[in-house]
């Protein structure tokens, strides 16, 4: 499951440039990044490994971030895993929906530096 020494952060992002950049920044902080380009792959990975934190985009192919979050909260193994949404969606309805589904944080990509995003992720690693 979780390795307390090197916690796993599941990074779910379909933009490969952003995915690589965040994975490199997580690694620099001593965190293992497991990556997925869509919600289906993310849920498949979580069936094998329970991450310490999930950094989750919303707009993705196959299953969006809302569907992933909903599936996680319905799964006994994953329901308590912290989820940080990192998205370009800034509408209040999206934020409310994310909160209702159990997101721990809702970050709008344009409003946060990558280092700030990593800081938010780290606060959820015990």
N, C-alpha and C. Protein backbone atom coordinates (compact mmCIF):
# COMPACT_ATOMS: atom_id res chain seq x y z
N UNK A 1 0.84 -1.18 0.00
CA UNK A 1 0.00 0.00 0.00
C UNK A 1 0.89 1.24 0.00
N UNK A 2 0.70 2.14 0.96
CA UNK A 2 1.52 3.36 1.01
C UNK A 2 2.87 3.09 1.62
N UNK A 3 3.88 3.67 1.06
CA UNK A 3 5.21 3.61 1.62
C UNK A 3 5.42 4.93 2.35
N UNK A 4 5.45 4.88 3.67
CA UNK A 4 5.53 6.11 4.46
C UNK A 4 6.80 6.89 4.17
N UNK A 5 7.87 6.17 3.80
CA UNK A 5 9.14 6.85 3.55
C UNK A 5 9.11 7.64 2.24
N UNK A 6 8.54 7.05 1.21
CA UNK A 6 8.41 7.71 -0.09
C UNK A 6 6.96 7.67 -0.52
N UNK A 7 6.16 8.61 -0.02
CA UNK A 7 4.72 8.59 -0.33
C UNK A 7 4.47 8.72 -1.83
N UNK A 8 3.40 8.07 -2.27
CA UNK A 8 3.02 8.11 -3.68
C UNK A 8 1.94 9.17 -3.88
N UNK A 9 2.19 10.02 -4.85
CA UNK A 9 1.20 11.01 -5.28
C UNK A 9 0.74 10.57 -6.66
N UNK A 10 -0.56 10.34 -6.78
CA UNK A 10 -1.11 10.02 -8.10
C UNK A 10 -1.42 11.32 -8.80
N UNK A 11 -0.76 11.55 -9.92
CA UNK A 11 -0.90 12.77 -10.71
C UNK A 11 -1.72 12.43 -11.95
N UNK A 12 -2.95 12.96 -12.01
CA UNK A 12 -3.86 12.65 -13.11
C UNK A 12 -4.03 13.91 -13.95
N UNK A 13 -3.35 13.92 -15.09
CA UNK A 13 -3.29 15.12 -15.94
C UNK A 13 -3.11 14.67 -17.38
N UNK A 14 -3.99 15.13 -18.29
CA UNK A 14 -3.88 14.72 -19.69
C UNK A 14 -2.92 15.58 -20.50
N UNK A 15 -2.51 16.72 -19.97
CA UNK A 15 -1.52 17.56 -20.64
C UNK A 15 -0.14 17.00 -20.26
N UNK A 16 0.53 16.37 -21.24
CA UNK A 16 1.78 15.68 -20.94
C UNK A 16 2.89 16.62 -20.48
N UNK A 17 2.91 17.84 -20.99
CA UNK A 17 3.90 18.82 -20.52
C UNK A 17 3.71 19.07 -19.02
N UNK A 18 2.47 19.37 -18.62
CA UNK A 18 2.18 19.62 -17.20
C UNK A 18 2.44 18.37 -16.37
N UNK A 19 2.06 17.23 -16.89
CA UNK A 19 2.26 15.98 -16.16
C UNK A 19 3.75 15.77 -15.87
N UNK A 20 4.59 15.92 -16.88
CA UNK A 20 6.04 15.74 -16.70
C UNK A 20 6.61 16.77 -15.73
N UNK A 21 6.17 18.02 -15.87
CA UNK A 21 6.68 19.09 -15.01
C UNK A 21 6.33 18.83 -13.54
N UNK A 22 5.06 18.48 -13.28
CA UNK A 22 4.65 18.22 -11.89
C UNK A 22 5.32 16.95 -11.35
N UNK A 23 5.47 15.93 -12.18
CA UNK A 23 6.15 14.70 -11.73
C UNK A 23 7.59 15.01 -11.33
N UNK A 24 8.27 15.85 -12.12
CA UNK A 24 9.66 16.21 -11.79
C UNK A 24 9.72 17.01 -10.49
N UNK A 25 8.79 17.93 -10.29
CA UNK A 25 8.76 18.73 -9.06
C UNK A 25 8.45 17.86 -7.84
N UNK A 26 7.55 16.92 -7.99
CA UNK A 26 7.24 16.00 -6.89
C UNK A 26 8.47 15.16 -6.53
N UNK A 27 9.15 14.65 -7.56
CA UNK A 27 10.34 13.84 -7.34
C UNK A 27 11.42 14.65 -6.61
N UNK A 28 11.55 15.91 -6.99
CA UNK A 28 12.54 16.79 -6.34
C UNK A 28 12.25 16.95 -4.84
N UNK A 29 10.97 16.81 -4.48
CA UNK A 29 10.55 16.92 -3.07
C UNK A 29 10.58 15.55 -2.36
N UNK A 30 11.09 14.53 -3.04
CA UNK A 30 11.18 13.21 -2.44
C UNK A 30 9.90 12.41 -2.48
N UNK A 31 8.99 12.81 -3.37
CA UNK A 31 7.71 12.11 -3.48
C UNK A 31 7.68 11.29 -4.78
N UNK A 32 7.11 10.12 -4.72
CA UNK A 32 6.97 9.29 -5.92
C UNK A 32 5.71 9.70 -6.65
N UNK A 33 5.84 10.01 -7.93
CA UNK A 33 4.68 10.37 -8.74
C UNK A 33 4.29 9.19 -9.61
N UNK A 34 3.05 8.78 -9.46
CA UNK A 34 2.45 7.79 -10.34
C UNK A 34 1.57 8.62 -11.26
N UNK A 35 1.62 8.39 -12.57
CA UNK A 35 0.88 9.27 -13.48
C UNK A 35 -0.18 8.53 -14.29
N UNK A 36 -1.23 9.27 -14.60
CA UNK A 36 -2.31 8.78 -15.45
C UNK A 36 -2.78 9.93 -16.34
N UNK A 37 -3.14 9.59 -17.60
CA UNK A 37 -3.57 10.63 -18.54
C UNK A 37 -5.09 10.76 -18.62
N UNK A 38 -5.81 9.85 -17.95
CA UNK A 38 -7.27 9.95 -17.94
C UNK A 38 -7.81 9.29 -16.68
N UNK A 39 -9.09 9.50 -16.45
CA UNK A 39 -9.71 9.00 -15.24
C UNK A 39 -9.78 7.49 -15.15
N UNK A 40 -9.97 6.82 -16.28
CA UNK A 40 -10.03 5.35 -16.26
C UNK A 40 -8.70 4.77 -15.80
N UNK A 41 -7.61 5.31 -16.36
CA UNK A 41 -6.28 4.81 -15.97
C UNK A 41 -6.02 5.12 -14.49
N UNK A 42 -6.45 6.29 -14.02
CA UNK A 42 -6.26 6.65 -12.62
C UNK A 42 -6.94 5.65 -11.70
N UNK A 43 -8.19 5.31 -12.00
CA UNK A 43 -8.91 4.36 -11.16
C UNK A 43 -8.28 2.96 -11.24
N UNK A 44 -7.78 2.58 -12.42
CA UNK A 44 -7.10 1.29 -12.56
C UNK A 44 -5.84 1.26 -11.70
N UNK A 45 -5.07 2.34 -11.72
CA UNK A 45 -3.86 2.40 -10.89
C UNK A 45 -4.20 2.32 -9.40
N UNK A 46 -5.30 3.00 -9.01
CA UNK A 46 -5.68 3.00 -7.59
C UNK A 46 -6.25 1.67 -7.15
N UNK A 47 -6.63 0.81 -8.10
CA UNK A 47 -7.08 -0.53 -7.70
C UNK A 47 -5.88 -1.36 -7.25
N UNK A 48 -4.68 -0.97 -7.68
CA UNK A 48 -3.45 -1.67 -7.32
C UNK A 48 -2.70 -1.00 -6.18
N UNK A 49 -2.71 0.33 -6.15
CA UNK A 49 -1.93 1.10 -5.18
C UNK A 49 -2.78 2.23 -4.63
N UNK A 50 -2.82 2.34 -3.32
CA UNK A 50 -3.55 3.46 -2.70
C UNK A 50 -2.54 4.59 -2.50
N UNK A 51 -2.73 5.72 -3.20
CA UNK A 51 -1.77 6.82 -3.07
C UNK A 51 -1.98 7.59 -1.76
N UNK A 52 -0.96 8.36 -1.39
CA UNK A 52 -1.06 9.23 -0.21
C UNK A 52 -1.96 10.41 -0.53
N UNK A 53 -1.86 10.92 -1.76
CA UNK A 53 -2.63 12.08 -2.23
C UNK A 53 -2.88 11.91 -3.73
N UNK A 54 -4.00 12.46 -4.21
CA UNK A 54 -4.26 12.48 -5.65
C UNK A 54 -4.32 13.94 -6.10
N UNK A 55 -3.52 14.28 -7.10
CA UNK A 55 -3.55 15.59 -7.74
C UNK A 55 -4.30 15.37 -9.05
N UNK A 56 -5.51 15.92 -9.16
CA UNK A 56 -6.47 15.50 -10.18
C UNK A 56 -6.98 16.66 -11.03
N UNK A 57 -6.81 16.51 -12.33
CA UNK A 57 -7.40 17.45 -13.29
C UNK A 57 -8.88 17.09 -13.44
N UNK A 58 -9.68 18.01 -13.92
CA UNK A 58 -11.11 17.70 -14.13
C UNK A 58 -11.39 17.35 -15.57
N UNK A 59 -10.98 18.20 -16.51
CA UNK A 59 -11.27 17.96 -17.93
C UNK A 59 -10.26 16.99 -18.52
N UNK A 60 -10.71 15.73 -18.70
CA UNK A 60 -9.85 14.68 -19.24
C UNK A 60 -10.68 13.74 -20.09
N UNK A 61 -10.01 12.97 -20.95
CA UNK A 61 -10.73 11.97 -21.73
C UNK A 61 -11.20 10.80 -20.86
N UNK A 62 -12.12 10.04 -21.40
CA UNK A 62 -12.68 8.81 -20.82
C UNK A 62 -13.49 9.05 -19.57
N UNK A 63 -12.87 9.36 -18.43
CA UNK A 63 -13.59 9.71 -17.21
C UNK A 63 -13.03 11.03 -16.72
N UNK A 64 -13.91 12.00 -16.43
CA UNK A 64 -13.39 13.29 -15.95
C UNK A 64 -13.08 13.22 -14.46
N UNK A 65 -12.50 14.29 -13.96
CA UNK A 65 -12.09 14.33 -12.56
C UNK A 65 -13.25 14.19 -11.59
N UNK A 66 -14.41 14.72 -11.94
CA UNK A 66 -15.58 14.58 -11.07
C UNK A 66 -15.96 13.10 -10.92
N UNK A 67 -15.94 12.35 -12.03
CA UNK A 67 -16.28 10.93 -12.00
C UNK A 67 -15.25 10.14 -11.17
N UNK A 68 -13.98 10.50 -11.31
CA UNK A 68 -12.93 9.85 -10.52
C UNK A 68 -13.14 10.12 -9.04
N UNK A 69 -13.39 11.38 -8.70
CA UNK A 69 -13.61 11.76 -7.31
C UNK A 69 -14.81 11.02 -6.72
N UNK A 70 -15.88 10.95 -7.49
CA UNK A 70 -17.09 10.26 -7.03
C UNK A 70 -16.81 8.77 -6.79
N UNK A 71 -16.08 8.15 -7.71
CA UNK A 71 -15.74 6.73 -7.57
C UNK A 71 -14.84 6.51 -6.36
N UNK A 72 -13.91 7.41 -6.14
CA UNK A 72 -13.01 7.29 -4.98
C UNK A 72 -13.79 7.36 -3.67
N UNK A 73 -14.69 8.31 -3.57
CA UNK A 73 -15.43 8.50 -2.32
C UNK A 73 -16.40 7.35 -2.05
N UNK A 74 -16.75 6.60 -3.09
CA UNK A 74 -17.64 5.44 -2.93
C UNK A 74 -16.86 4.15 -2.64
N UNK A 75 -15.53 4.21 -2.76
CA UNK A 75 -14.68 3.04 -2.56
C UNK A 75 -14.09 3.05 -1.15
N UNK A 76 -14.34 2.01 -0.40
CA UNK A 76 -13.89 1.93 1.00
C UNK A 76 -12.37 2.14 1.14
N UNK A 77 -11.59 1.62 0.19
CA UNK A 77 -10.13 1.75 0.25
C UNK A 77 -9.65 3.17 -0.06
N UNK A 78 -10.43 3.91 -0.85
CA UNK A 78 -9.97 5.20 -1.36
C UNK A 78 -10.70 6.40 -0.77
N UNK A 79 -11.75 6.16 0.01
CA UNK A 79 -12.64 7.25 0.42
C UNK A 79 -11.95 8.33 1.26
N UNK A 80 -10.87 7.97 1.96
CA UNK A 80 -10.18 8.95 2.80
C UNK A 80 -8.91 9.52 2.18
N UNK A 81 -8.60 9.13 0.95
CA UNK A 81 -7.41 9.66 0.28
C UNK A 81 -7.66 11.12 -0.08
N UNK A 82 -6.78 12.03 0.36
CA UNK A 82 -6.96 13.45 0.02
C UNK A 82 -6.87 13.67 -1.50
N UNK A 83 -7.77 14.52 -2.00
CA UNK A 83 -7.80 14.84 -3.43
C UNK A 83 -7.67 16.35 -3.60
N UNK A 84 -6.64 16.74 -4.35
CA UNK A 84 -6.42 18.15 -4.70
C UNK A 84 -6.76 18.28 -6.18
N UNK A 85 -7.85 18.99 -6.47
CA UNK A 85 -8.21 19.24 -7.86
C UNK A 85 -7.37 20.39 -8.39
N UNK A 86 -6.80 20.18 -9.57
CA UNK A 86 -5.99 21.20 -10.23
C UNK A 86 -6.56 21.35 -11.63
N UNK A 87 -7.25 22.45 -11.87
CA UNK A 87 -8.05 22.57 -13.08
C UNK A 87 -8.06 24.00 -13.63
N UNK A 88 -8.55 24.13 -14.84
CA UNK A 88 -8.78 25.46 -15.42
C UNK A 88 -10.22 25.91 -15.20
N UNK A 89 -11.07 25.03 -14.68
CA UNK A 89 -12.47 25.38 -14.45
C UNK A 89 -12.58 26.26 -13.21
N UNK A 90 -13.10 27.47 -13.41
CA UNK A 90 -13.18 28.40 -12.28
C UNK A 90 -14.59 28.79 -11.89
N UNK A 91 -15.60 28.19 -12.52
CA UNK A 91 -16.98 28.55 -12.22
C UNK A 91 -17.38 28.09 -10.82
N UNK A 92 -18.16 28.91 -10.14
CA UNK A 92 -18.60 28.58 -8.77
C UNK A 92 -19.32 27.24 -8.72
N UNK A 93 -20.10 26.91 -9.76
CA UNK A 93 -20.82 25.64 -9.78
C UNK A 93 -19.85 24.46 -9.76
N UNK A 94 -18.74 24.60 -10.49
CA UNK A 94 -17.73 23.53 -10.51
C UNK A 94 -17.09 23.38 -9.13
N UNK A 95 -16.78 24.50 -8.51
CA UNK A 95 -16.17 24.47 -7.17
C UNK A 95 -17.13 23.82 -6.18
N UNK A 96 -18.41 24.22 -6.23
CA UNK A 96 -19.42 23.65 -5.33
C UNK A 96 -19.57 22.15 -5.55
N UNK A 97 -19.60 21.75 -6.81
CA UNK A 97 -19.74 20.32 -7.12
C UNK A 97 -18.55 19.54 -6.57
N UNK A 98 -17.36 20.09 -6.75
CA UNK A 98 -16.15 19.42 -6.25
C UNK A 98 -16.20 19.26 -4.73
N UNK A 99 -16.61 20.30 -4.05
CA UNK A 99 -16.73 20.23 -2.58
C UNK A 99 -17.77 19.20 -2.16
N UNK A 100 -18.90 19.21 -2.86
CA UNK A 100 -19.98 18.27 -2.56
C UNK A 100 -19.51 16.82 -2.74
N UNK A 101 -18.65 16.59 -3.74
CA UNK A 101 -18.14 15.25 -4.01
C UNK A 101 -17.00 14.86 -3.08
N UNK A 102 -16.48 15.82 -2.32
CA UNK A 102 -15.45 15.48 -1.34
C UNK A 102 -14.03 15.89 -1.67
N UNK A 103 -13.85 16.86 -2.57
CA UNK A 103 -12.50 17.35 -2.84
C UNK A 103 -11.95 18.07 -1.61
N UNK A 104 -10.68 17.86 -1.33
CA UNK A 104 -10.04 18.54 -0.20
C UNK A 104 -9.62 19.96 -0.57
N UNK A 105 -9.18 20.13 -1.81
CA UNK A 105 -8.74 21.44 -2.30
C UNK A 105 -9.20 21.60 -3.74
N UNK A 106 -9.39 22.86 -4.14
CA UNK A 106 -9.76 23.17 -5.52
C UNK A 106 -8.85 24.30 -5.97
N UNK A 107 -7.88 23.96 -6.81
CA UNK A 107 -6.90 24.94 -7.27
C UNK A 107 -7.10 25.21 -8.76
N UNK A 108 -7.12 26.47 -9.12
CA UNK A 108 -7.22 26.85 -10.53
C UNK A 108 -5.80 27.05 -11.05
N UNK A 109 -5.46 26.31 -12.08
CA UNK A 109 -4.08 26.26 -12.60
C UNK A 109 -3.46 27.64 -12.77
N UNK A 110 -4.19 28.56 -13.35
CA UNK A 110 -3.64 29.88 -13.65
C UNK A 110 -3.35 30.71 -12.40
N UNK A 111 -3.92 30.33 -11.26
CA UNK A 111 -3.77 31.13 -10.04
C UNK A 111 -2.67 30.65 -9.11
N UNK A 112 -2.02 29.53 -9.46
CA UNK A 112 -1.01 28.96 -8.56
C UNK A 112 0.27 28.63 -9.31
N UNK A 113 1.39 28.98 -8.70
CA UNK A 113 2.68 28.54 -9.22
C UNK A 113 2.82 27.05 -8.94
N UNK A 114 3.56 26.33 -9.77
CA UNK A 114 3.77 24.90 -9.50
C UNK A 114 4.30 24.64 -8.09
N UNK A 115 5.19 25.48 -7.61
CA UNK A 115 5.74 25.28 -6.26
C UNK A 115 4.64 25.41 -5.19
N UNK A 116 3.67 26.28 -5.43
CA UNK A 116 2.55 26.42 -4.49
C UNK A 116 1.66 25.18 -4.52
N UNK A 117 1.44 24.64 -5.71
CA UNK A 117 0.63 23.42 -5.85
C UNK A 117 1.31 22.28 -5.08
N UNK A 118 2.61 22.14 -5.24
CA UNK A 118 3.35 21.08 -4.54
C UNK A 118 3.25 21.30 -3.03
N UNK A 119 3.30 22.54 -2.58
CA UNK A 119 3.14 22.86 -1.16
C UNK A 119 1.79 22.40 -0.63
N UNK A 120 0.74 22.59 -1.41
CA UNK A 120 -0.61 22.15 -1.01
C UNK A 120 -0.64 20.62 -0.93
N UNK A 121 -0.07 19.95 -1.92
CA UNK A 121 -0.03 18.48 -1.92
C UNK A 121 0.70 17.98 -0.67
N UNK A 122 1.84 18.59 -0.37
CA UNK A 122 2.65 18.14 0.77
C UNK A 122 1.94 18.29 2.10
N UNK A 123 1.04 19.24 2.22
CA UNK A 123 0.36 19.40 3.50
C UNK A 123 -0.57 18.23 3.81
N UNK A 124 -0.92 17.43 2.80
CA UNK A 124 -1.79 16.27 3.01
C UNK A 124 -1.01 14.97 3.22
N UNK A 125 0.31 15.04 3.12
CA UNK A 125 1.11 13.83 3.31
C UNK A 125 1.49 13.73 4.78
N UNK A 126 1.08 12.64 5.39
CA UNK A 126 1.29 12.46 6.83
C UNK A 126 2.65 11.86 7.10
